[in-house]
Amino acid sequence: MSNAPDRLDGFHTFNRCCRSTADKGRSKENLASYSTDRRAFENWSDGNWITANKLMGFINSNPSMKKEHCANEENGGHHPRPCSADHIGPISLGFCHRPEFQFLCRPCNSAKNNRMYYTDVLHLIEVEKGGETVATWYADPIWQKCKGKVTDKESALRLSRVMRDNRNVAMMLLADFIDRNEFLFLFTLLNLEYADYDYDIIPGTTKISHQIVTVDFSQKASTLRYVNIQKTRKIRVAFSSLSECAKKENRNCYTYTNAKIEALKKQAFIILSNINSNMKKLNASLIAALSDEERIDAEIEAFLSSVDYTALKRTQEFIDVKELLKQIMELVAQELSSNWDDPRYSRETADE
């Protein structure tokens, strides 16, 4: 079962009649909150979410995959099969969607939650050496500053805690743009272009090494209406979950700002306030589409048909604002990395 979000000791009852009261982390309200947060993290993360989802579905439905053992099996303990697909770099910490997963049994996957193993950190560093980006734009600064500090299991957990705080700051930063009604800029951060293609796993390319699964994909332009269905759902869920995440009274939620950060935010809002009238109309149209609860999907689809997403992403004002956000997250990373030895991150046990 999930280890989310307020469990203190890692133990819980398996009696369904009283689980929600005996285990605070599994209360109805808390699980709904956790699910909302998860959707926010997933939808605002970089990387090819289409191929990642395709490979995860392949792993979880393929009969031969169900026979594979857990990556932790050699460490002893009971590891029931079938295993599920685990993100080596947790999306909830700001890592990218990538078509690469490791096999973990349900108990191990639940216990890992949004933490990283030491082996995960080592693997991601090796992947980067091959030229691949592993962290989303908002998480890359803290990842680059702290990955070299990880030397064992304890410091891998420490990095997980640091990156979780970094993610909280990033989500609140994006939510500030919702509060200022700058929806169109946020829209360009959703990586919708990946849905414009059909990806098929090439037969015979499945590779399993150290219980890590990768495949090769073929790619062609998609002509399916499903393209807009995927985009529409992603837009709807991304904005609604981000709004809910920002409104929630997060327990133990880290926030950080300083004069430099506030100045950069102000600069970003000034740039967006001066975009041309056509962009302002598109922004108003997107806000209207997301506000129509009864016809939201139809309205989003209509909005999608009226815009050139690739051209929008190339809008100089949007490029400039994203650079300012990267500068903000660099400042956040400096603060967090300087607190590496703070008890908040170095504690032996965590209320996670």
Protein backbone atom coordinates (compact mmCIF):
# COMPACT_ATOMS: atom_id res chain seq x y z
CA MET A 1 0.00 0.00 0.00
CA SER A 2 1.04 3.63 -0.32
CA ASN A 3 3.27 5.15 2.31
CA ALA A 4 1.63 8.57 1.87
CA PRO A 5 1.62 11.20 3.26
CA ASP A 6 1.69 11.53 7.08
CA ARG A 7 2.85 8.14 8.29
CA LEU A 8 5.32 8.54 11.16
CA ASP A 9 6.65 5.07 11.80
CA GLY A 10 6.03 3.08 8.65
CA PHE A 11 3.67 0.61 10.31
CA HIS A 12 -0.06 0.33 9.71
CA THR A 13 -3.03 -1.94 10.19
CA PHE A 14 -4.19 -4.18 7.37
CA ASN A 15 -7.77 -4.37 8.75
CA ARG A 16 -9.90 -2.55 6.19
CA CYS A 17 -12.60 -1.76 8.74
CA CYS A 18 -10.36 0.57 10.74
CA ARG A 19 -7.42 1.33 8.47
CA SER A 20 -8.50 4.91 7.77
CA THR A 21 -8.63 5.74 11.49
CA ALA A 22 -5.71 3.64 12.73
CA ASP A 23 -3.41 4.88 10.00
CA LYS A 24 -3.59 8.66 9.64
CA GLY A 25 -1.78 8.52 6.30
CA ARG A 26 -4.67 6.55 4.82
CA SER A 27 -7.55 8.78 5.89
CA LYS A 28 -9.94 9.53 3.04
CA GLU A 29 -9.06 13.22 3.06
CA ASN A 30 -5.31 12.65 3.18
CA LEU A 31 -5.27 10.14 0.36
CA ALA A 32 -7.34 12.48 -1.81
CA SER A 33 -4.84 15.24 -1.05
CA TYR A 34 -1.92 12.95 -1.88
CA SER A 35 -3.54 11.98 -5.19
CA THR A 36 -4.02 15.64 -6.11
CA ASP A 37 -0.37 16.42 -5.35
CA ARG A 38 0.79 13.45 -7.39
CA ARG A 39 -1.19 14.61 -10.42
CA ALA A 40 0.36 18.06 -10.09
CA PHE A 41 3.90 16.70 -9.96
CA GLU A 42 3.33 14.37 -12.90
CA ASN A 43 1.79 16.95 -15.19
CA TRP A 44 4.31 19.73 -14.58
CA SER A 45 7.36 17.48 -15.05
CA ASP A 46 9.55 17.53 -18.15
CA GLY A 47 10.27 14.58 -20.41
CA ASN A 48 8.40 12.37 -22.83
CA TRP A 49 5.33 11.44 -20.81
CA ILE A 50 3.85 9.51 -23.74
CA THR A 51 6.71 6.99 -24.09
CA ALA A 52 7.06 6.72 -20.33
CA ASN A 53 3.38 5.87 -19.95
CA LYS A 54 3.58 3.45 -22.87
CA LEU A 55 6.48 1.53 -21.33
CA MET A 56 4.87 1.47 -17.89
CA GLY A 57 1.70 0.01 -19.40
CA PHE A 58 3.75 -2.58 -21.31
CA ILE A 59 5.56 -3.66 -18.13
CA ASN A 60 2.41 -3.88 -16.04
CA SER A 61 0.45 -5.86 -18.64
CA ASN A 62 3.06 -8.12 -20.25
CA PRO A 63 2.89 -11.74 -18.99
CA SER A 64 6.66 -12.29 -19.25
CA MET A 65 7.29 -9.17 -17.17
CA LYS A 66 5.12 -10.56 -14.39
CA LYS A 67 7.75 -13.28 -13.87
CA GLU A 68 10.60 -10.83 -13.23
CA HIS A 69 11.87 -10.53 -9.68
CA CYS A 70 12.17 -7.41 -7.54
CA ALA A 71 15.37 -5.37 -7.82
CA ASN A 72 15.75 -5.70 -4.04
CA GLU A 73 15.36 -9.48 -3.92
CA GLU A 74 19.05 -10.10 -3.33
CA ASN A 75 18.79 -8.07 -0.10
CA GLY A 76 16.61 -10.75 1.48
CA GLY A 77 13.05 -10.52 2.70
CA HIS A 78 9.79 -11.42 0.98
CA HIS A 79 9.27 -9.90 -2.48
CA PRO A 80 5.97 -11.11 -3.95
CA ARG A 81 5.37 -11.13 -7.69
CA PRO A 82 4.27 -9.65 -9.99
CA CYS A 83 6.41 -6.56 -9.64
CA SER A 84 5.43 -3.11 -10.83
CA ALA A 85 7.28 -0.43 -12.76
CA ASP A 86 9.15 2.04 -10.55
CA HIS A 87 10.49 5.44 -11.64
CA ILE A 88 14.20 5.37 -10.80
CA GLY A 89 14.11 9.14 -10.44
CA PRO A 90 10.79 9.89 -8.67
CA ILE A 91 8.56 12.27 -10.63
CA SER A 92 7.39 13.59 -7.26
CA LEU A 93 10.90 14.93 -6.60
CA GLY A 94 11.16 16.70 -9.93
CA PHE A 95 12.75 14.09 -12.16
CA CYS A 96 11.75 13.79 -15.80
CA HIS A 97 9.38 11.32 -17.40
CA ARG A 98 11.69 8.81 -19.06
CA PRO A 99 10.95 5.41 -20.65
CA GLU A 100 13.05 3.50 -18.13
CA PHE A 101 11.80 1.67 -15.05
CA GLN A 102 13.02 -0.81 -12.48
CA PHE A 103 11.08 -3.78 -11.16
CA LEU A 104 9.93 -3.40 -7.56
CA CYS A 105 7.48 -5.61 -5.70
CA ARG A 106 4.46 -3.88 -4.21
CA PRO A 107 5.86 -3.69 -0.63
CA CYS A 108 9.17 -2.22 -1.88
CA ASN A 109 7.42 0.22 -4.21
CA SER A 110 5.14 1.34 -1.40
CA ALA A 111 8.00 1.72 1.08
CA LYS A 112 10.14 3.65 -1.40
CA ASN A 113 7.36 6.19 -2.09
CA ASN A 114 9.07 9.47 -3.08
CA ARG A 115 12.49 8.56 -1.78
CA MET A 116 15.60 7.55 -3.69
CA TYR A 117 17.87 4.59 -3.19
CA TYR A 118 21.62 5.15 -3.29
CA THR A 119 21.66 2.94 -6.38
CA ASP A 120 19.07 5.23 -8.01
CA VAL A 121 21.35 8.25 -7.59
CA LEU A 122 24.34 6.39 -9.01
CA HIS A 123 22.31 5.18 -11.98
CA LEU A 124 20.92 8.64 -12.79
CA ILE A 125 24.42 10.11 -12.70
CA GLU A 126 25.52 7.49 -15.22
CA VAL A 127 22.51 8.22 -17.44
CA GLU A 128 23.47 11.90 -17.43
CA LYS A 129 26.97 11.04 -18.58
CA GLY A 130 25.35 9.61 -21.69
CA GLY A 131 23.91 13.03 -22.47
CA GLU A 132 20.37 12.53 -21.18
CA THR A 133 18.55 15.08 -19.02
CA VAL A 134 17.12 13.42 -15.91
CA ALA A 135 15.72 16.34 -13.89
CA THR A 136 12.93 18.81 -14.72
CA TRP A 137 14.02 22.44 -15.15
CA TYR A 138 12.98 23.38 -11.63
CA ALA A 139 14.77 20.43 -10.00
CA ASP A 140 17.96 20.41 -12.06
CA PRO A 141 19.77 23.14 -10.05
CA ILE A 142 19.37 21.34 -6.70
CA TRP A 143 20.12 17.96 -8.30
CA GLN A 144 23.37 19.28 -9.79
CA LYS A 145 24.44 20.90 -6.51
CA CYS A 146 23.69 17.92 -4.26
CA LYS A 147 24.06 14.69 -6.24
CA GLY A 148 27.81 14.62 -5.54
CA LYS A 149 27.11 14.69 -1.80
CA VAL A 150 25.38 11.32 -1.92
CA THR A 151 27.68 8.55 -0.73
CA ASP A 152 25.35 6.03 0.91
CA LYS A 153 21.75 5.13 1.74
CA GLU A 154 21.39 7.85 4.38
CA SER A 155 22.60 10.66 2.14
CA ALA A 156 20.34 9.43 -0.68
CA LEU A 157 17.40 9.86 1.70
CA ARG A 158 18.76 13.28 2.62
CA LEU A 159 18.80 14.28 -1.04
CA SER A 160 15.20 13.06 -1.36
CA ARG A 161 14.14 15.37 1.48
CA VAL A 162 16.01 18.33 0.02
CA MET A 163 14.49 17.77 -3.41
CA ARG A 164 11.03 17.47 -1.89
CA ASP A 165 11.36 20.92 -0.35
CA ASN A 166 12.66 22.24 -3.67
CA ARG A 167 9.60 20.80 -5.41
CA ASN A 168 7.26 22.47 -2.91
CA VAL A 169 8.84 25.85 -3.65
CA ALA A 170 8.51 25.21 -7.40
CA MET A 171 4.83 24.27 -7.20
CA MET A 172 4.04 27.39 -5.17
CA LEU A 173 6.01 29.44 -7.70
CA LEU A 174 3.90 28.11 -10.57
CA ALA A 175 0.76 28.67 -8.52
CA ASP A 176 1.70 32.36 -8.26
CA PHE A 177 1.21 32.57 -12.03
CA ILE A 178 -2.28 31.10 -11.69
CA ASP A 179 -3.04 33.73 -9.06
CA ARG A 180 -1.93 36.39 -11.55
CA ASN A 181 -4.05 34.80 -14.33
CA GLU A 182 -0.98 34.07 -16.46
CA PHE A 183 -2.36 30.77 -17.75
CA LEU A 184 -0.98 30.96 -21.27
CA PHE A 185 2.62 31.04 -20.10
CA LEU A 186 2.03 28.03 -17.84
CA PHE A 187 0.38 26.26 -20.80
CA THR A 188 3.73 26.35 -22.65
CA LEU A 189 5.39 24.38 -19.82
CA LEU A 190 3.20 21.28 -20.27
CA ASN A 191 5.24 19.57 -23.01
CA LEU A 192 2.13 18.84 -25.06
CA GLU A 193 4.19 18.33 -28.23
CA TYR A 194 4.95 14.74 -27.27
CA ALA A 195 1.30 13.83 -27.87
CA ASP A 196 1.64 14.75 -31.55
CA TYR A 197 3.35 11.43 -32.26
CA ASP A 198 2.51 7.76 -32.19
CA TYR A 199 5.18 5.68 -30.46
CA ASP A 200 5.41 1.92 -30.81
CA ILE A 201 7.76 -0.35 -28.95
CA ILE A 202 10.01 -2.00 -31.53
CA PRO A 203 9.75 -5.80 -31.16
CA GLY A 204 12.89 -7.45 -29.84
CA THR A 205 14.36 -4.27 -28.32
CA THR A 206 13.36 -4.92 -24.70
CA LYS A 207 16.44 -4.86 -22.48
CA ILE A 208 16.55 -5.83 -18.80
CA SER A 209 19.78 -5.08 -16.97
CA HIS A 210 19.99 -5.21 -13.16
CA GLN A 211 16.18 -5.34 -13.22
CA ILE A 212 15.99 -2.04 -15.12
CA VAL A 213 13.83 -2.12 -18.26
CA THR A 214 14.36 -0.09 -21.43
CA VAL A 215 13.00 -0.41 -24.97
CA ASP A 216 13.41 1.31 -28.32
CA PHE A 217 10.50 3.17 -29.90
CA SER A 218 9.48 3.92 -33.45
CA GLN A 219 7.94 7.34 -33.96
CA LYS A 220 5.59 8.81 -36.53
CA ALA A 221 3.27 11.79 -36.66
CA SER A 222 -0.11 10.96 -35.18
CA THR A 223 -3.36 11.43 -37.08
CA LEU A 224 -5.58 10.14 -34.29
CA ARG A 225 -8.20 12.22 -32.51
CA TYR A 226 -6.79 10.65 -29.35
CA VAL A 227 -4.03 13.26 -29.60
CA ASN A 228 -6.42 16.00 -28.53
CA ILE A 229 -7.99 13.76 -25.89
CA GLN A 230 -4.58 13.23 -24.29
CA LYS A 231 -3.73 16.92 -24.46
CA THR A 232 -7.12 17.99 -23.14
CA ARG A 233 -6.92 15.73 -20.13
CA LYS A 234 -3.36 16.79 -19.35
CA ILE A 235 -4.30 20.49 -19.48
CA ARG A 236 -7.40 20.02 -17.33
CA VAL A 237 -5.68 17.90 -14.70
CA ALA A 238 -2.48 19.99 -14.65
CA PHE A 239 -4.24 23.26 -13.91
CA SER A 240 -6.84 21.87 -11.50
CA SER A 241 -4.31 19.84 -9.50
CA LEU A 242 -1.85 22.74 -9.29
CA SER A 243 -4.60 25.00 -7.99
CA GLU A 244 -5.69 22.44 -5.41
CA CYS A 245 -2.10 21.75 -4.38
CA ALA A 246 -1.54 25.46 -3.74
CA LYS A 247 -4.74 25.84 -1.69
CA LYS A 248 -4.01 22.87 0.55
CA GLU A 249 -2.73 23.56 4.04
CA ASN A 250 0.44 21.52 3.64
CA ARG A 251 1.77 20.11 6.86
CA ASN A 252 5.52 20.52 7.16
CA CYS A 253 5.54 22.29 3.80
CA TYR A 254 8.74 24.18 3.12
CA THR A 255 8.58 27.64 1.56
CA TYR A 256 11.39 30.02 0.73
CA THR A 257 11.86 33.43 -0.80
CA ASN A 258 14.16 36.42 -0.55
CA ALA A 259 14.47 39.90 -2.05
CA LYS A 260 16.22 38.64 -5.19
CA ILE A 261 13.54 36.04 -5.82
CA GLU A 262 10.74 38.55 -5.36
CA ALA A 263 12.49 40.95 -7.75
CA LEU A 264 12.77 38.22 -10.39
CA LYS A 265 9.10 37.32 -9.97
CA LYS A 266 8.14 40.96 -10.36
CA GLN A 267 10.24 41.17 -13.52
CA ALA A 268 8.49 38.08 -14.91
CA PHE A 269 5.03 39.50 -14.27
CA ILE A 270 5.99 42.80 -15.90
CA ILE A 271 7.15 40.96 -19.04
CA LEU A 272 3.89 39.02 -19.23
CA SER A 273 1.78 42.11 -18.66
CA ASN A 274 3.32 43.63 -21.79
CA ILE A 275 2.64 40.80 -24.25
CA ASN A 276 0.73 41.75 -27.39
CA SER A 277 -3.05 41.93 -27.56
CA ASN A 278 -3.40 38.66 -29.47
CA MET A 279 -1.56 36.79 -26.70
CA LYS A 280 -3.73 38.46 -24.09
CA LYS A 281 -6.84 37.28 -25.95
CA LEU A 282 -5.50 33.72 -26.06
CA ASN A 283 -4.77 33.89 -22.35
CA ALA A 284 -8.34 35.05 -21.68
CA SER A 285 -9.68 32.22 -23.89
CA LEU A 286 -7.72 29.60 -21.98
CA ILE A 287 -8.94 30.96 -18.65
CA ALA A 288 -12.51 30.87 -19.93
CA ALA A 289 -12.10 27.28 -21.20
CA LEU A 290 -10.79 26.09 -17.83
CA SER A 291 -13.59 27.91 -16.00
CA ASP A 292 -16.46 26.19 -17.82
CA GLU A 293 -16.94 23.19 -15.55
CA GLU A 294 -19.85 21.75 -17.54
CA ARG A 295 -18.12 21.82 -20.94
CA ILE A 296 -14.48 22.03 -19.91
CA ASP A 297 -13.12 19.30 -22.20
CA ALA A 298 -14.98 20.62 -25.25
CA GLU A 299 -13.81 24.16 -24.47
CA ILE A 300 -10.19 23.06 -24.06
CA GLU A 301 -10.34 21.15 -27.36
CA ALA A 302 -11.71 24.25 -29.07
CA PHE A 303 -8.91 26.32 -27.58
CA LEU A 304 -6.29 23.80 -28.75
CA SER A 305 -7.58 24.04 -32.32
CA SER A 306 -7.04 27.80 -32.23
CA VAL A 307 -3.36 27.82 -31.23
CA ASP A 308 -0.02 26.76 -32.62
CA TYR A 309 1.62 25.22 -29.57
CA THR A 310 5.10 25.10 -31.07
CA ALA A 311 4.91 28.77 -32.02
CA LEU A 312 3.67 29.67 -28.54
CA LYS A 313 6.66 27.96 -26.93
CA ARG A 314 8.93 30.07 -29.13
CA THR A 315 7.37 33.33 -27.95
CA GLN A 316 10.29 35.42 -26.73
CA GLU A 317 8.46 36.74 -23.69
CA PHE A 318 7.67 33.20 -22.55
CA ILE A 319 11.28 32.11 -23.12
CA ASP A 320 12.49 35.09 -21.09
CA VAL A 321 10.10 34.37 -18.22
CA LYS A 322 11.11 30.73 -18.05
CA GLU A 323 14.74 31.82 -17.81
CA LEU A 324 13.78 34.03 -14.87
CA LEU A 325 12.10 31.04 -13.20
CA LYS A 326 15.27 29.02 -13.68
CA GLN A 327 17.21 31.81 -12.00
CA ILE A 328 14.77 31.70 -9.09
CA MET A 329 15.20 27.95 -8.70
CA GLU A 330 18.98 28.42 -8.83
CA LEU A 331 18.66 30.75 -5.82
CA VAL A 332 16.44 28.21 -4.07
CA ALA A 333 19.01 25.51 -4.78
CA GLN A 334 21.77 27.63 -3.28
CA GLU A 335 19.76 28.01 -0.08
CA LEU A 336 18.80 24.36 0.18
CA SER A 337 22.25 23.00 -0.62
CA SER A 338 23.77 25.27 2.04
CA ASN A 339 21.45 23.60 4.56
CA TRP A 340 22.48 20.06 3.62
CA ASP A 341 23.54 19.31 7.22
CA ASP A 342 20.42 20.83 8.78
CA PRO A 343 18.55 18.38 11.06
CA ARG A 344 15.53 18.73 8.77
CA TYR A 345 17.43 16.70 6.18
CA SER A 346 19.97 14.75 8.20
CA ARG A 347 17.60 13.23 10.78
CA GLU A 348 17.80 9.49 11.18
CA THR A 349 14.06 8.94 10.85
CA ALA A 350 11.61 10.97 8.85
CA ASP A 351 7.95 11.83 9.27
CA GLU A 352 7.34 11.03 5.63
